[in-house]
Amino acid sequence: MALIHFRILEQVFRHSWWASILLTLADRQLRYTELAAALVERWGARPGDGHLSKALKQMRQAGLVNQVDDGRGYLTWTLTAEARQRAEMLAMIEKALEEGQRSIDRH
């Protein structure tokens, strides 16, 4: 893994909930309430509203998420191209960790 990949991971993991939000939004763009519910569905927990709002604001400032109109007058959160690359990297790590845990469980 190149040094840049470690730097990207450091940035993501330095901020609480960023990795979970990136992986959740990688599936589809979501309104705020949908994102909160999807976090619970996928991870079994979610940050409080204030913390989620702060995380999304920080991620927008970092160029990782945008708010866009969904065509029905609702604002939805979506990943930028840069964030999609990070989400793909996180998904690979998540898969490797799951496979490693299955291997441990078998032994």
PDB file of N, CA and C in Angstrom:
ATOM      1  N   MET A   1       0.858  -1.171   0.000  1.00  0.00           N
ATOM      2  CA  MET A   1       0.000   0.000   0.000  1.00  0.00           C
ATOM      3  C   MET A   1       0.902   1.230   0.000  1.00  0.00           C
ATOM      4  N   ALA A   2       0.617   2.158  -0.844  1.00  0.00           N
ATOM      5  CA  ALA A   2       1.411   3.371  -0.956  1.00  0.00           C
ATOM      6  C   ALA A   2       1.177   4.280   0.251  1.00  0.00           C
ATOM      7  N   LEU A   3       2.162   5.116   0.530  1.00  0.00           N
ATOM      8  CA  LEU A   3       2.072   6.040   1.660  1.00  0.00           C
ATOM      9  C   LEU A   3       0.824   6.905   1.575  1.00  0.00           C
ATOM     10  N   ILE A   4       0.433   7.322   0.384  1.00  0.00           N
ATOM     11  CA  ILE A   4      -0.755   8.174   0.235  1.00  0.00           C
ATOM     12  C   ILE A   4      -1.995   7.462   0.773  1.00  0.00           C
ATOM     13  N   HIS A   5      -2.059   6.155   0.591  1.00  0.00           N
ATOM     14  CA  HIS A   5      -3.211   5.411   1.102  1.00  0.00           C
ATOM     15  C   HIS A   5      -3.270   5.457   2.624  1.00  0.00           C
ATOM     16  N   PHE A   6      -2.126   5.358   3.267  1.00  0.00           N
ATOM     17  CA  PHE A   6      -2.096   5.459   4.726  1.00  0.00           C
ATOM     18  C   PHE A   6      -2.500   6.854   5.182  1.00  0.00           C
ATOM     19  N   ARG A   7      -2.074   7.867   4.460  1.00  0.00           N
ATOM     20  CA  ARG A   7      -2.450   9.246   4.813  1.00  0.00           C
ATOM     21  C   ARG A   7      -3.959   9.437   4.693  1.00  0.00           C
ATOM     22  N   ILE A   8      -4.547   8.875   3.645  1.00  0.00           N
ATOM     23  CA  ILE A   8      -5.997   8.971   3.456  1.00  0.00           C
ATOM     24  C   ILE A   8      -6.712   8.266   4.604  1.00  0.00           C
ATOM     25  N   LEU A   9      -6.254   7.075   4.955  1.00  0.00           N
ATOM     26  CA  LEU A   9      -6.870   6.344   6.058  1.00  0.00           C
ATOM     27  C   LEU A   9      -6.720   7.084   7.379  1.00  0.00           C
ATOM     28  N   GLU A  10      -5.567   7.691   7.606  1.00  0.00           N
ATOM     29  CA  GLU A  10      -5.368   8.480   8.825  1.00  0.00           C
ATOM     30  C   GLU A  10      -6.401   9.593   8.916  1.00  0.00           C
ATOM     31  N   GLN A  11      -6.637  10.290   7.796  1.00  0.00           N
ATOM     32  CA  GLN A  11      -7.614  11.379   7.807  1.00  0.00           C
ATOM     33  C   GLN A  11      -9.010  10.854   8.113  1.00  0.00           C
ATOM     34  N   VAL A  12      -9.386   9.767   7.464  1.00  0.00           N
ATOM     35  CA  VAL A  12     -10.728   9.225   7.659  1.00  0.00           C
ATOM     36  C   VAL A  12     -10.919   8.744   9.089  1.00  0.00           C
ATOM     37  N   PHE A  13      -9.954   7.980   9.624  1.00  0.00           N
ATOM     38  CA  PHE A  13     -10.125   7.410  10.955  1.00  0.00           C
ATOM     39  C   PHE A  13      -9.873   8.415  12.077  1.00  0.00           C
ATOM     40  N   ARG A  14      -9.312   9.539  11.763  1.00  0.00           N
ATOM     41  CA  ARG A  14      -9.107  10.585  12.765  1.00  0.00           C
ATOM     42  C   ARG A  14     -10.446  11.199  13.180  1.00  0.00           C
ATOM     43  N   HIS A  15     -11.430  11.089  12.312  1.00  0.00           N
ATOM     44  CA  HIS A  15     -12.737  11.701  12.551  1.00  0.00           C
ATOM     45  C   HIS A  15     -13.783  10.634  12.827  1.00  0.00           C
ATOM     46  N   SER A  16     -14.428  10.767  13.955  1.00  0.00           N
ATOM     47  CA  SER A  16     -15.458   9.820  14.350  1.00  0.00           C
ATOM     48  C   SER A  16     -16.592   9.772  13.327  1.00  0.00           C
ATOM     49  N   TRP A  17     -16.964   8.583  12.930  1.00  0.00           N
ATOM     50  CA  TRP A  17     -18.077   8.289  12.043  1.00  0.00           C
ATOM     51  C   TRP A  17     -17.805   8.511  10.564  1.00  0.00           C
ATOM     52  N   TRP A  18     -16.689   9.107  10.177  1.00  0.00           N
ATOM     53  CA  TRP A  18     -16.453   9.362   8.753  1.00  0.00           C
ATOM     54  C   TRP A  18     -16.457   8.071   7.949  1.00  0.00           C
ATOM     55  N   ALA A  19     -15.771   7.052   8.416  1.00  0.00           N
ATOM     56  CA  ALA A  19     -15.693   5.800   7.657  1.00  0.00           C
ATOM     57  C   ALA A  19     -17.086   5.200   7.486  1.00  0.00           C
ATOM     58  N   SER A  20     -17.869   5.203   8.550  1.00  0.00           N
ATOM     59  CA  SER A  20     -19.222   4.647   8.478  1.00  0.00           C
ATOM     60  C   SER A  20     -20.094   5.437   7.513  1.00  0.00           C
ATOM     61  N   ILE A  21     -19.972   6.749   7.535  1.00  0.00           N
ATOM     62  CA  ILE A  21     -20.753   7.596   6.632  1.00  0.00           C
ATOM     63  C   ILE A  21     -20.320   7.363   5.186  1.00  0.00           C
ATOM     64  N   LEU A  22     -19.018   7.287   4.939  1.00  0.00           N
ATOM     65  CA  LEU A  22     -18.532   7.049   3.579  1.00  0.00           C
ATOM     66  C   LEU A  22     -19.068   5.732   3.033  1.00  0.00           C
ATOM     67  N   LEU A  23     -18.973   4.677   3.819  1.00  0.00           N
ATOM     68  CA  LEU A  23     -19.438   3.372   3.357  1.00  0.00           C
ATOM     69  C   LEU A  23     -20.953   3.342   3.165  1.00  0.00           C
ATOM     70  N   THR A  24     -21.681   4.056   4.003  1.00  0.00           N
ATOM     71  CA  THR A  24     -23.140   4.093   3.884  1.00  0.00           C
ATOM     72  C   THR A  24     -23.572   4.884   2.652  1.00  0.00           C
ATOM     73  N   LEU A  25     -22.933   6.020   2.411  1.00  0.00           N
ATOM     74  CA  LEU A  25     -23.292   6.834   1.238  1.00  0.00           C
ATOM     75  C   LEU A  25     -22.761   6.245  -0.065  1.00  0.00           C
ATOM     76  N   ALA A  26     -21.852   5.285   0.023  1.00  0.00           N
ATOM     77  CA  ALA A  26     -21.344   4.651  -1.198  1.00  0.00           C
ATOM     78  C   ALA A  26     -22.455   3.881  -1.903  1.00  0.00           C
ATOM     79  N   ASP A  27     -23.444   3.429  -1.141  1.00  0.00           N
ATOM     80  CA  ASP A  27     -24.561   2.670  -1.706  1.00  0.00           C
ATOM     81  C   ASP A  27     -25.498   3.546  -2.527  1.00  0.00           C
ATOM     82  N   ARG A  28     -25.792   4.742  -2.000  1.00  0.00           N
ATOM     83  CA  ARG A  28     -26.722   5.654  -2.686  1.00  0.00           C
ATOM     84  C   ARG A  28     -26.756   6.985  -1.957  1.00  0.00           C
ATOM     85  N   GLN A  29     -27.252   8.009  -2.654  1.00  0.00           N
ATOM     86  CA  GLN A  29     -27.410   9.306  -2.000  1.00  0.00           C
ATOM     87  C   GLN A  29     -28.621   9.235  -1.082  1.00  0.00           C
ATOM     88  N   LEU A  30     -28.540   9.924   0.053  1.00  0.00           N
ATOM     89  CA  LEU A  30     -29.577   9.830   1.074  1.00  0.00           C
ATOM     90  C   LEU A  30     -29.885  11.189   1.671  1.00  0.00           C
ATOM     91  N   ARG A  31     -31.150  11.387   2.034  1.00  0.00           N
ATOM     92  CA  ARG A  31     -31.506  12.565   2.833  1.00  0.00           C
ATOM     93  C   ARG A  31     -30.960  12.344   4.242  1.00  0.00           C
ATOM     94  N   TYR A  32     -30.884  13.424   5.014  1.00  0.00           N
ATOM     95  CA  TYR A  32     -30.306  13.355   6.361  1.00  0.00           C
ATOM     96  C   TYR A  32     -30.967  12.265   7.196  1.00  0.00           C
ATOM     97  N   THR A  33     -32.296  12.239   7.243  1.00  0.00           N
ATOM     98  CA  THR A  33     -32.991  11.257   8.073  1.00  0.00           C
ATOM     99  C   THR A  33     -32.785   9.840   7.540  1.00  0.00           C
ATOM    100  N   GLU A  34     -32.711   9.697   6.222  1.00  0.00           N
ATOM    101  CA  GLU A  34     -32.441   8.387   5.628  1.00  0.00           C
ATOM    102  C   GLU A  34     -31.035   7.920   5.980  1.00  0.00           C
ATOM    103  N   LEU A  35     -30.080   8.851   5.968  1.00  0.00           N
ATOM    104  CA  LEU A  35     -28.702   8.516   6.318  1.00  0.00           C
ATOM    105  C   LEU A  35     -28.628   8.046   7.769  1.00  0.00           C
ATOM    106  N   ALA A  36     -29.293   8.770   8.661  1.00  0.00           N
ATOM    107  CA  ALA A  36     -29.290   8.389  10.072  1.00  0.00           C
ATOM    108  C   ALA A  36     -29.860   6.981  10.242  1.00  0.00           C
ATOM    109  N   ALA A  37     -30.963   6.687   9.566  1.00  0.00           N
ATOM    110  CA  ALA A  37     -31.576   5.362   9.658  1.00  0.00           C
ATOM    111  C   ALA A  37     -30.683   4.293   9.025  1.00  0.00           C
ATOM    112  N   ALA A  38     -30.043   4.616   7.915  1.00  0.00           N
ATOM    113  CA  ALA A  38     -29.167   3.656   7.230  1.00  0.00           C
ATOM    114  C   ALA A  38     -27.942   3.332   8.082  1.00  0.00           C
ATOM    115  N   LEU A  39     -27.444   4.310   8.834  1.00  0.00           N
ATOM    116  CA  LEU A  39     -26.319   4.050   9.730  1.00  0.00           C
ATOM    117  C   LEU A  39     -26.715   3.026  10.794  1.00  0.00           C
ATOM    118  N   VAL A  40     -27.903   3.199  11.352  1.00  0.00           N
ATOM    119  CA  VAL A  40     -28.385   2.243  12.364  1.00  0.00           C
ATOM    120  C   VAL A  40     -28.567   0.870  11.741  1.00  0.00           C
ATOM    121  N   GLU A  41     -29.157   0.831  10.549  1.00  0.00           N
ATOM    122  CA  GLU A  41     -29.404  -0.445   9.886  1.00  0.00           C
ATOM    123  C   GLU A  41     -28.108  -1.186   9.580  1.00  0.00           C
ATOM    124  N   ARG A  42     -27.112  -0.444   9.081  1.00  0.00           N
ATOM    125  CA  ARG A  42     -25.860  -1.085   8.669  1.00  0.00           C
ATOM    126  C   ARG A  42     -24.919  -1.361   9.831  1.00  0.00           C
ATOM    127  N   TRP A  43     -24.827  -0.419  10.772  1.00  0.00           N
ATOM    128  CA  TRP A  43     -23.810  -0.508  11.820  1.00  0.00           C
ATOM    129  C   TRP A  43     -24.382  -0.774  13.214  1.00  0.00           C
ATOM    130  N   GLY A  44     -25.706  -0.683  13.345  1.00  0.00           N
ATOM    131  CA  GLY A  44     -26.314  -0.928  14.647  1.00  0.00           C
ATOM    132  C   GLY A  44     -26.261   0.255  15.589  1.00  0.00           C
ATOM    133  N   ALA A  45     -25.793   1.387  15.104  1.00  0.00           N
ATOM    134  CA  ALA A  45     -25.688   2.604  15.920  1.00  0.00           C
ATOM    135  C   ALA A  45     -25.568   3.800  14.976  1.00  0.00           C
ATOM    136  N   ARG A  46     -25.709   4.973  15.549  1.00  0.00           N
ATOM    137  CA  ARG A  46     -25.520   6.202  14.784  1.00  0.00           C
ATOM    138  C   ARG A  46     -25.114   7.303  15.746  1.00  0.00           C
ATOM    139  N   PRO A  47     -24.451   8.334  15.227  1.00  0.00           N
ATOM    140  CA  PRO A  47     -24.117   9.453  16.102  1.00  0.00           C
ATOM    141  C   PRO A  47     -25.379  10.253  16.398  1.00  0.00           C
ATOM    142  N   GLY A  48     -25.340  11.034  17.451  1.00  0.00           N
ATOM    143  CA  GLY A  48     -26.439  11.951  17.729  1.00  0.00           C
ATOM    144  C   GLY A  48     -26.560  12.974  16.605  1.00  0.00           C
ATOM    145  N   ASP A  49     -27.699  13.636  16.536  1.00  0.00           N
ATOM    146  CA  ASP A  49     -27.940  14.587  15.451  1.00  0.00           C
ATOM    147  C   ASP A  49     -26.863  15.667  15.354  1.00  0.00           C
ATOM    148  N   GLY A  50     -26.464  16.215  16.485  1.00  0.00           N
ATOM    149  CA  GLY A  50     -25.442  17.262  16.465  1.00  0.00           C
ATOM    150  C   GLY A  50     -24.118  16.753  15.925  1.00  0.00           C
ATOM    151  N   HIS A  51     -23.752  15.558  16.323  1.00  0.00           N
ATOM    152  CA  HIS A  51     -22.483  14.983  15.876  1.00  0.00           C
ATOM    153  C   HIS A  51     -22.548  14.601  14.396  1.00  0.00           C
ATOM    154  N   LEU A  52     -23.681  14.068  13.954  1.00  0.00           N
ATOM    155  CA  LEU A  52     -23.837  13.717  12.543  1.00  0.00           C
ATOM    156  C   LEU A  52     -23.782  14.969  11.673  1.00  0.00           C
ATOM    157  N   SER A  53     -24.464  16.014  12.096  1.00  0.00           N
ATOM    158  CA  SER A  53     -24.432  17.282  11.346  1.00  0.00           C
ATOM    159  C   SER A  53     -23.018  17.839  11.269  1.00  0.00           C
ATOM    160  N   LYS A  54     -22.304  17.776  12.389  1.00  0.00           N
ATOM    161  CA  LYS A  54     -20.919  18.269  12.421  1.00  0.00           C
ATOM    162  C   LYS A  54     -20.033  17.443  11.494  1.00  0.00           C
ATOM    163  N   ALA A  55     -20.193  16.121  11.524  1.00  0.00           N
ATOM    164  CA  ALA A  55     -19.386  15.252  10.665  1.00  0.00           C
ATOM    165  C   ALA A  55     -19.650  15.551   9.194  1.00  0.00           C
ATOM    166  N   LEU A  56     -20.916  15.715   8.821  1.00  0.00           N
ATOM    167  CA  LEU A  56     -21.246  16.015   7.425  1.00  0.00           C
ATOM    168  C   LEU A  56     -20.688  17.374   6.999  1.00  0.00           C
ATOM    169  N   LYS A  57     -20.752  18.353   7.887  1.00  0.00           N
ATOM    170  CA  LYS A  57     -20.190  19.678   7.582  1.00  0.00           C
ATOM    171  C   LYS A  57     -18.685  19.575   7.374  1.00  0.00           C
ATOM    172  N   GLN A  58     -17.998  18.853   8.251  1.00  0.00           N
ATOM    173  CA  GLN A  58     -16.553  18.681   8.110  1.00  0.00           C
ATOM    174  C   GLN A  58     -16.212  17.935   6.823  1.00  0.00           C
ATOM    175  N   MET A  59     -17.002  16.914   6.504  1.00  0.00           N
ATOM    176  CA  MET A  59     -16.754  16.142   5.294  1.00  0.00           C
ATOM    177  C   MET A  59     -17.005  16.990   4.040  1.00  0.00           C
ATOM    178  N   ARG A  60     -17.989  17.865   4.109  1.00  0.00           N
ATOM    179  CA  ARG A  60     -18.233  18.769   2.971  1.00  0.00           C
ATOM    180  C   ARG A  60     -17.062  19.730   2.814  1.00  0.00           C
ATOM    181  N   GLN A  61     -16.565  20.260   3.918  1.00  0.00           N
ATOM    182  CA  GLN A  61     -15.413  21.166   3.868  1.00  0.00           C
ATOM    183  C   GLN A  61     -14.164  20.449   3.353  1.00  0.00           C
ATOM    184  N   ALA A  62     -14.059  19.165   3.602  1.00  0.00           N
ATOM    185  CA  ALA A  62     -12.917  18.376   3.131  1.00  0.00           C
ATOM    186  C   ALA A  62     -13.093  17.905   1.689  1.00  0.00           C
ATOM    187  N   GLY A  63     -14.237  18.238   1.089  1.00  0.00           N
ATOM    188  CA  GLY A  63     -14.484  17.864  -0.306  1.00  0.00           C
ATOM    189  C   GLY A  63     -14.896  16.417  -0.496  1.00  0.00           C
ATOM    190  N   LEU A  64     -15.497  15.832   0.532  1.00  0.00           N
ATOM    191  CA  LEU A  64     -15.877  14.423   0.459  1.00  0.00           C
ATOM    192  C   LEU A  64     -17.362  14.197   0.193  1.00  0.00           C
ATOM    193  N   VAL A  65     -18.200  15.134   0.590  1.00  0.00           N
ATOM    194  CA  VAL A  65     -19.641  14.998   0.358  1.00  0.00           C
ATOM    195  C   VAL A  65     -20.204  16.306  -0.179  1.00  0.00           C
ATOM    196  N   ASN A  66     -21.318  16.186  -0.860  1.00  0.00           N
ATOM    197  CA  ASN A  66     -22.071  17.331  -1.355  1.00  0.00           C
ATOM    198  C   ASN A  66     -23.536  17.121  -1.029  1.00  0.00           C
ATOM    199  N   GLN A  67     -24.259  18.227  -0.966  1.00  0.00           N
ATOM    200  CA  GLN A  67     -25.706  18.152  -0.882  1.00  0.00           C
ATOM    201  C   GLN A  67     -26.246  18.503  -2.254  1.00  0.00           C
ATOM    202  N   VAL A  68     -27.147  17.671  -2.755  1.00  0.00           N
ATOM    203  CA  VAL A  68     -27.742  17.909  -4.066  1.00  0.00           C
ATOM    204  C   VAL A  68     -29.247  17.728  -3.969  1.00  0.00           C
ATOM    205  N   ASP A  69     -29.964  18.429  -4.838  1.00  0.00           N
ATOM    206  CA  ASP A  69     -31.413  18.285  -4.928  1.00  0.00           C
ATOM    207  C   ASP A  69     -31.708  16.961  -5.616  1.00  0.00           C
ATOM    208  N   ASP A  70     -32.595  16.191  -5.041  1.00  0.00           N
ATOM    209  CA  ASP A  70     -32.905  14.871  -5.614  1.00  0.00           C
ATOM    210  C   ASP A  70     -33.920  14.939  -6.751  1.00  0.00           C
ATOM    211  N   GLY A  71     -34.307  16.143  -7.144  1.00  0.00           N
ATOM    212  CA  GLY A  71     -35.267  16.306  -8.223  1.00  0.00           C
ATOM    213  C   GLY A  71     -36.706  16.387  -7.733  1.00  0.00           C
ATOM    214  N   ARG A  72     -36.907  16.108  -6.454  1.00  0.00           N
ATOM    215  CA  ARG A  72     -38.243  16.191  -5.857  1.00  0.00           C
ATOM    216  C   ARG A  72     -38.300  17.287  -4.804  1.00  0.00           C
ATOM    217  N   GLY A  73     -37.250  18.103  -4.771  1.00  0.00           N
ATOM    218  CA  GLY A  73     -37.206  19.201  -3.814  1.00  0.00           C
ATOM    219  C   GLY A  73     -36.562  18.869  -2.487  1.00  0.00           C
ATOM    220  N   TYR A  74     -35.974  17.692  -2.373  1.00  0.00           N
ATOM    221  CA  TYR A  74     -35.287  17.300  -1.149  1.00  0.00           C
ATOM    222  C   TYR A  74     -33.785  17.358  -1.360  1.00  0.00           C
ATOM    223  N   LEU A  75     -33.070  17.816  -0.329  1.00  0.00           N
ATOM    224  CA  LEU A  75     -31.618  17.797  -0.381  1.00  0.00           C
ATOM    225  C   LEU A  75     -31.128  16.436   0.090  1.00  0.00           C
ATOM    226  N   THR A  76     -30.228  15.861  -0.668  1.00  0.00           N
ATOM    227  CA  THR A  76     -29.645  14.571  -0.302  1.00  0.00           C
ATOM    228  C   THR A  76     -28.133  14.718  -0.214  1.00  0.00           C
ATOM    229  N   TRP A  77     -27.538  13.839   0.565  1.00  0.00           N
ATOM    230  CA  TRP A  77     -26.090  13.794   0.701  1.00  0.00           C
ATOM    231  C   TRP A  77     -25.547  12.771  -0.274  1.00  0.00           C
ATOM    232  N   THR A  78     -24.468  13.128  -0.953  1.00  0.00           N
ATOM    233  CA  THR A  78     -23.837  12.235  -1.915  1.00  0.00           C
ATOM    234  C   THR A  78     -22.325  12.360  -1.800  1.00  0.00           C
ATOM    235  N   LEU A  79     -21.621  11.320  -2.201  1.00  0.00           N
ATOM    236  CA  LEU A  79     -20.161  11.325  -2.159  1.00  0.00           C
ATOM    237  C   LEU A  79     -19.588  12.014  -3.389  1.00  0.00           C
ATOM    238  N   THR A  80     -18.463  12.679  -3.205  1.00  0.00           N
ATOM    239  CA  THR A  80     -17.709  13.219  -4.331  1.00  0.00           C
ATOM    240  C   THR A  80     -16.903  12.082  -4.953  1.00  0.00           C
ATOM    241  N   ALA A  81     -16.302  12.340  -6.098  1.00  0.00           N
ATOM    242  CA  ALA A  81     -15.469  11.322  -6.756  1.00  0.00           C
ATOM    243  C   ALA A  81     -14.318  10.903  -5.846  1.00  0.00           C
ATOM    244  N   GLU A  82     -13.717  11.869  -5.177  1.00  0.00           N
ATOM    245  CA  GLU A  82     -12.614  11.563  -4.254  1.00  0.00           C
ATOM    246  C   GLU A  82     -13.089  10.665  -3.120  1.00  0.00           C
ATOM    247  N   ALA A  83     -14.261  10.952  -2.595  1.00  0.00           N
ATOM    248  CA  ALA A  83     -14.797  10.157  -1.497  1.00  0.00           C
ATOM    249  C   ALA A  83     -15.150   8.750  -1.960  1.00  0.00           C
ATOM    250  N   ARG A  84     -15.592   8.600  -3.200  1.00  0.00           N
ATOM    251  CA  ARG A  84     -15.905   7.267  -3.729  1.00  0.00           C
ATOM    252  C   ARG A  84     -14.659   6.387  -3.724  1.00  0.00           C
ATOM    253  N   GLN A  85     -13.508   6.981  -4.076  1.00  0.00           N
ATOM    254  CA  GLN A  85     -12.257   6.227  -4.038  1.00  0.00           C
ATOM    255  C   GLN A  85     -11.938   5.789  -2.610  1.00  0.00           C
ATOM    256  N   ARG A  86     -12.161   6.688  -1.662  1.00  0.00           N
ATOM    257  CA  ARG A  86     -11.900   6.353  -0.263  1.00  0.00           C
ATOM    258  C   ARG A  86     -12.857   5.273   0.223  1.00  0.00           C
ATOM    259  N   ALA A  87     -14.112   5.363  -0.189  1.00  0.00           N
ATOM    260  CA  ALA A  87     -15.095   4.356   0.205  1.00  0.00           C
ATOM    261  C   ALA A  87     -14.726   2.988  -0.362  1.00  0.00           C
ATOM    262  N   GLU A  88     -14.214   2.961  -1.587  1.00  0.00           N
ATOM    263  CA  GLU A  88     -13.779   1.690  -2.179  1.00  0.00           C
ATOM    264  C   GLU A  88     -12.632   1.095  -1.382  1.00  0.00           C
ATOM    265  N   MET A  89     -11.694   1.931  -0.960  1.00  0.00           N
ATOM    266  CA  MET A  89     -10.569   1.471  -0.159  1.00  0.00           C
ATOM    267  C   MET A  89     -11.078   0.924   1.181  1.00  0.00           C
ATOM    268  N   LEU A  90     -12.003   1.637   1.806  1.00  0.00           N
ATOM    269  CA  LEU A  90     -12.562   1.180   3.071  1.00  0.00           C
ATOM    270  C   LEU A  90     -13.322  -0.131   2.906  1.00  0.00           C
ATOM    271  N   ALA A  91     -14.027  -0.286   1.806  1.00  0.00           N
ATOM    272  CA  ALA A  91     -14.769  -1.518   1.552  1.00  0.00           C
ATOM    273  C   ALA A  91     -13.815  -2.699   1.421  1.00  0.00           C
ATOM    274  N   MET A  92     -12.674  -2.478   0.777  1.00  0.00           N
ATOM    275  CA  MET A  92     -11.682  -3.546   0.661  1.00  0.00           C
ATOM    276  C   MET A  92     -11.141  -3.927   2.039  1.00  0.00           C
ATOM    277  N   ILE A  93     -10.881  -2.941   2.879  1.00  0.00           N
ATOM    278  CA  ILE A  93     -10.391  -3.203   4.235  1.00  0.00           C
ATOM    279  C   ILE A  93     -11.453  -3.941   5.036  1.00  0.00           C
ATOM    280  N   GLU A  94     -12.704  -3.487   4.917  1.00  0.00           N
ATOM    281  CA  GLU A  94     -13.806  -4.137   5.628  1.00  0.00           C
ATOM    282  C   GLU A  94     -13.914  -5.609   5.222  1.00  0.00           C
ATOM    283  N   LYS A  95     -13.817  -5.880   3.935  1.00  0.00           N
ATOM    284  CA  LYS A  95     -13.901  -7.252   3.432  1.00  0.00           C
ATOM    285  C   LYS A  95     -12.742  -8.096   3.969  1.00  0.00           C
ATOM    286  N   ALA A  96     -11.528  -7.539   3.954  1.00  0.00           N
ATOM    287  CA  ALA A  96     -10.361  -8.269   4.457  1.00  0.00           C
ATOM    288  C   ALA A  96     -10.509  -8.580   5.947  1.00  0.00           C
ATOM    289  N   LEU A  97     -11.022  -7.627   6.708  1.00  0.00           N
ATOM    290  CA  LEU A  97     -11.226  -7.858   8.139  1.00  0.00           C
ATOM    291  C   LEU A  97     -12.273  -8.933   8.384  1.00  0.00           C
ATOM    292  N   GLU A  98     -13.353  -8.908   7.602  1.00  0.00           N
ATOM    293  CA  GLU A  98     -14.394  -9.935   7.752  1.00  0.00           C
ATOM    294  C   GLU A  98     -13.850 -11.317   7.404  1.00  0.00           C
ATOM    295  N   GLU A  99     -13.066 -11.403   6.326  1.00  0.00           N
ATOM    296  CA  GLU A  99     -12.479 -12.689   5.935  1.00  0.00           C
ATOM    297  C   GLU A  99     -11.496 -13.174   6.990  1.00  0.00           C
ATOM    298  N   GLY A 100     -10.720 -12.266   7.546  1.00  0.00           N
ATOM    299  CA  GLY A 100      -9.795 -12.630   8.606  1.00  0.00           C
ATOM    300  C   GLY A 100     -10.530 -13.138   9.845  1.00  0.00           C
ATOM    301  N   GLN A 101     -11.644 -12.499  10.191  1.00  0.00           N
ATOM    302  CA  GLN A 101     -12.430 -12.941  11.348  1.00  0.00           C
ATOM    303  C   GLN A 101     -13.032 -14.306  11.102  1.00  0.00           C
ATOM    304  N   ARG A 102     -13.522 -14.569   9.889  1.00  0.00           N
ATOM    305  CA  ARG A 102     -14.067 -15.891   9.562  1.00  0.00           C
ATOM    306  C   ARG A 102     -12.979 -16.968   9.680  1.00  0.00           C
ATOM    307  N   SER A 103     -11.777 -16.620   9.254  1.00  0.00           N
ATOM    308  CA  SER A 103     -10.658 -17.567   9.347  1.00  0.00           C
ATOM    309  C   SER A 103     -10.337 -17.868  10.797  1.00  0.00           C
ATOM    310  N   ILE A 104     -10.340 -16.851  11.634  1.00  0.00           N
ATOM    311  CA  ILE A 104     -10.083 -17.033  13.068  1.00  0.00           C
ATOM    312  C   ILE A 104     -11.186 -17.882  13.690  1.00  0.00           C
ATOM    313  N   ASP A 105     -12.435 -17.599  13.329  1.00  0.00           N
ATOM    314  CA  ASP A 105     -13.568 -18.332  13.895  1.00  0.00           C
ATOM    315  C   ASP A 105     -13.527 -19.818  13.536  1.00  0.00           C
ATOM    316  N   ARG A 106     -12.992 -20.136  12.351  1.00  0.00           N
ATOM    317  CA  ARG A 106     -12.917 -21.537  11.933  1.00  0.00           C
ATOM    318  C   ARG A 106     -11.863 -22.309  12.719  1.00  0.00           C
ATOM    319  N   HIS A 107     -10.888 -21.615  13.260  1.00  0.00           N
ATOM    320  CA  HIS A 107      -9.792 -22.301  13.977  1.00  0.00           C
ATOM    321  C   HIS A 107      -9.982 -22.174  15.419  1.00  0.00           C
TER     322      HIS A 107
END
